[in-house]
Amino acid sequence: MGVAPLTQTRILACPTHDGLFDLLSEELQRRLPEFTGGDLDQHLRRLRMLPVGLHAMAVVHPLDVSITLDDLGWHFGNWPHHDYSKETIWALRELEAFEQAELFEQAYALAQPHWSMISTLPDDKFSGWYYGSAFAKATEPLTRRFWQLQEIDNGLLGYWTRYARKYPHKVAMLSVVRNDG
């Protein structure tokens, strides 16, 4: 038997952050094939077929990984795609992570003059260019602030659960109530 679909009732009945986060993660894993790189346009099309809340969560997840392991500037090296970057700004705003959206938007603007390097250097050459670059230096204060925000209420992933509780209808299917009497 497979995992039960995520419903508004299941969201509202989940008492803890960790439990709800697990439900949301399971639903995303159930609905999306694992993205291992490749065609970001196709990946975005798949994401846009999700309910708006899950869509936003799935878009923001790679940023959470990037900011945890690296920094804002490095995120663009991992995800060198204009539409994905714009989708990330939208997703942060949708999840009501407004300060993070502003920081990301500023970093994206700083990336523009360096986009040819960001988008064309192979992974093994990117770090040699990036560390010490004007772009890395320019994004450093934005990254520091982002890291501070990550220490509050489970960081970006905390927005997932707060959003799901506030807007369960944007995340899950309606629950079906059966009345046999």
Protein backbone atom coordinates (compact mmCIF):
# COMPACT_ATOMS: atom_id res chain seq x y z
CA MET A 1 0.00 0.00 0.00
CA GLY A 2 1.34 3.44 -0.95
CA VAL A 3 1.58 6.60 1.09
CA ALA A 4 -1.77 8.29 1.63
CA PRO A 5 -2.15 11.58 -0.25
CA LEU A 6 -1.67 14.76 1.70
CA THR A 7 -4.98 16.33 2.67
CA GLN A 8 -5.96 19.46 4.54
CA THR A 9 -7.20 17.29 7.39
CA ARG A 10 -3.81 15.55 7.71
CA ILE A 11 -2.03 18.92 7.71
CA LEU A 12 -4.27 20.41 10.38
CA ALA A 13 -4.12 17.27 12.54
CA CYS A 14 -0.32 17.19 12.62
CA PRO A 15 0.73 18.71 15.97
CA THR A 16 4.49 19.19 15.48
CA HIS A 17 6.78 21.01 13.09
CA ASP A 18 8.81 17.85 12.48
CA GLY A 19 5.76 15.71 11.83
CA LEU A 20 4.27 18.21 9.39
CA PHE A 21 7.61 18.73 7.70
CA ASP A 22 7.85 14.97 7.21
CA LEU A 23 4.34 14.90 5.67
CA LEU A 24 5.23 17.73 3.28
CA SER A 25 8.53 16.08 2.33
CA GLU A 26 6.83 12.75 1.70
CA GLU A 27 4.26 14.42 -0.53
CA LEU A 28 6.94 16.19 -2.55
CA GLN A 29 8.89 12.94 -2.94
CA ARG A 30 5.71 11.13 -3.98
CA ARG A 31 4.81 13.73 -6.60
CA LEU A 32 8.21 14.63 -8.03
CA PRO A 33 10.90 12.48 -9.53
CA GLU A 34 14.29 13.27 -8.03
CA PHE A 35 16.01 16.02 -10.00
CA THR A 36 19.62 15.07 -10.63
CA GLY A 37 20.52 17.93 -12.92
CA GLY A 38 19.80 18.44 -16.54
CA ASP A 39 16.90 20.25 -18.11
CA LEU A 40 15.81 22.98 -15.69
CA ASP A 41 13.07 24.15 -18.05
CA GLN A 42 11.45 20.71 -17.88
CA HIS A 43 11.95 20.60 -14.10
CA LEU A 44 10.18 23.96 -13.74
CA ARG A 45 7.27 22.69 -15.84
CA ARG A 46 6.89 19.73 -13.47
CA LEU A 47 7.03 22.00 -10.43
CA ARG A 48 4.36 24.29 -11.85
CA MET A 49 1.92 21.37 -11.98
CA LEU A 50 1.97 21.07 -8.19
CA PRO A 51 -0.40 22.92 -5.87
CA VAL A 52 0.97 26.43 -5.37
CA GLY A 53 2.28 25.77 -1.85
CA LEU A 54 4.10 22.56 -2.75
CA HIS A 55 5.43 24.29 -5.86
CA ALA A 56 6.93 27.07 -3.75
CA MET A 57 8.40 24.61 -1.26
CA ALA A 58 10.00 22.52 -3.99
CA VAL A 59 11.52 25.60 -5.64
CA VAL A 60 12.97 26.88 -2.36
CA HIS A 61 14.47 23.55 -1.27
CA PRO A 62 17.65 23.84 -3.41
CA LEU A 63 18.27 27.32 -1.99
CA ASP A 64 18.03 25.90 1.52
CA VAL A 65 20.64 23.28 0.57
CA SER A 66 22.90 25.90 -1.05
CA ILE A 67 22.73 28.30 1.87
CA THR A 68 23.36 25.46 4.33
CA LEU A 69 26.38 24.07 2.48
CA ASP A 70 27.72 27.17 0.74
CA ASP A 71 26.40 30.70 0.23
CA LEU A 72 24.08 32.79 -1.92
CA GLY A 73 26.58 33.38 -4.71
CA TRP A 74 27.43 29.70 -4.93
CA HIS A 75 23.71 28.90 -5.29
CA PHE A 76 23.74 30.52 -8.74
CA GLY A 77 26.65 28.29 -9.71
CA ASN A 78 24.56 25.28 -8.68
CA TRP A 79 21.38 26.59 -10.34
CA PRO A 80 22.52 28.84 -13.24
CA HIS A 81 19.10 29.46 -14.73
CA HIS A 82 17.35 32.83 -15.00
CA ASP A 83 13.80 31.46 -14.83
CA TYR A 84 14.64 29.26 -11.84
CA SER A 85 16.12 32.27 -10.07
CA LYS A 86 13.01 34.33 -10.76
CA GLU A 87 10.86 31.41 -9.63
CA THR A 88 12.86 31.29 -6.40
CA ILE A 89 12.07 34.96 -5.71
CA TRP A 90 8.39 34.24 -6.36
CA ALA A 91 8.48 31.12 -4.14
CA LEU A 92 10.11 32.93 -1.22
CA ARG A 93 7.42 35.60 -1.41
CA GLU A 94 4.66 33.00 -1.70
CA LEU A 95 5.98 31.33 1.46
CA GLU A 96 6.06 34.77 3.12
CA ALA A 97 9.85 34.69 3.53
CA PHE A 98 9.98 38.33 2.52
CA GLU A 99 13.40 39.30 3.85
CA GLN A 100 14.96 36.21 2.28
CA ALA A 101 13.25 37.08 -1.01
CA GLU A 102 14.76 40.56 -0.89
CA LEU A 103 18.24 39.19 -0.12
CA PHE A 104 17.97 36.63 -2.92
CA GLU A 105 16.72 39.24 -5.38
CA GLN A 106 19.68 41.48 -4.52
CA ALA A 107 22.10 38.57 -4.98
CA TYR A 108 20.48 37.73 -8.32
CA ALA A 109 20.95 41.34 -9.46
CA LEU A 110 24.61 41.16 -8.41
CA ALA A 111 24.99 37.95 -10.41
CA GLN A 112 23.95 39.54 -13.70
CA PRO A 113 27.32 41.04 -14.71
CA HIS A 114 28.94 37.65 -13.95
CA TRP A 115 26.27 35.42 -15.48
CA SER A 116 28.42 34.19 -18.37
CA MET A 117 31.01 32.89 -15.90
CA ILE A 118 28.38 31.48 -13.56
CA SER A 119 26.49 29.67 -16.29
CA THR A 120 29.35 28.33 -18.39
CA LEU A 121 32.15 27.31 -16.04
CA PRO A 122 32.23 23.57 -15.31
CA ASP A 123 31.91 22.65 -11.63
CA ASP A 124 35.62 21.92 -11.25
CA LYS A 125 36.51 25.42 -12.52
CA PHE A 126 33.74 27.38 -10.81
CA SER A 127 35.28 27.33 -7.32
CA GLY A 128 38.62 28.62 -8.66
CA TRP A 129 36.85 31.58 -10.23
CA TYR A 130 34.25 32.16 -7.53
CA TYR A 131 36.38 32.35 -4.39
CA GLY A 132 37.94 35.79 -4.31
CA SER A 133 35.76 37.11 -7.15
CA ALA A 134 34.03 40.47 -7.00
CA PHE A 135 30.73 38.59 -7.10
CA ALA A 136 31.58 36.49 -4.02
CA LYS A 137 32.66 39.61 -2.15
CA ALA A 138 29.53 41.53 -3.14
CA THR A 139 27.18 38.76 -1.99
CA GLU A 140 29.02 38.11 1.28
CA PRO A 141 26.96 40.55 3.44
CA LEU A 142 23.74 39.18 1.94
CA THR A 143 24.85 35.65 2.74
CA ARG A 144 25.74 36.59 6.33
CA ARG A 145 22.25 38.00 6.87
CA PHE A 146 20.67 34.97 5.22
CA TRP A 147 22.64 32.68 7.56
CA GLN A 148 21.32 34.69 10.54
CA LEU A 149 17.77 34.22 9.29
CA GLN A 150 18.38 30.48 8.90
CA GLU A 151 18.94 30.29 12.67
CA ILE A 152 15.38 31.49 13.38
CA ASP A 153 12.42 29.08 13.55
CA ASN A 154 13.95 26.34 11.37
CA GLY A 155 15.05 28.75 8.63
CA LEU A 156 13.53 28.38 5.18
CA LEU A 157 12.10 24.95 5.98
CA GLY A 158 10.20 26.47 8.90
CA TYR A 159 8.30 28.55 6.38
CA TRP A 160 7.00 25.31 4.86
CA THR A 161 5.15 24.27 7.99
CA ARG A 162 3.90 27.75 8.89
CA TYR A 163 2.59 28.18 5.34
CA ALA A 164 0.92 24.75 5.32
CA ARG A 165 -0.88 25.50 8.60
CA LYS A 166 -1.98 28.95 7.41
CA TYR A 167 -2.93 27.90 3.85
CA PRO A 168 -3.64 24.15 3.85
CA HIS A 169 -5.89 24.65 0.81
CA LYS A 170 -2.84 25.81 -1.19
CA VAL A 171 -0.85 22.72 -0.27
CA ALA A 172 -3.13 19.69 -0.27
CA MET A 173 -6.23 18.14 -1.66
CA LEU A 174 -9.53 18.73 0.07
CA SER A 175 -10.33 16.00 2.52
CA VAL A 176 -13.19 13.79 1.50
CA VAL A 177 -15.72 13.34 4.26
CA ARG A 178 -17.88 10.30 3.78
CA ASN A 179 -21.34 10.17 5.23
CA ASP A 180 -22.93 6.76 4.93
CA GLY A 181 -25.89 7.53 7.17
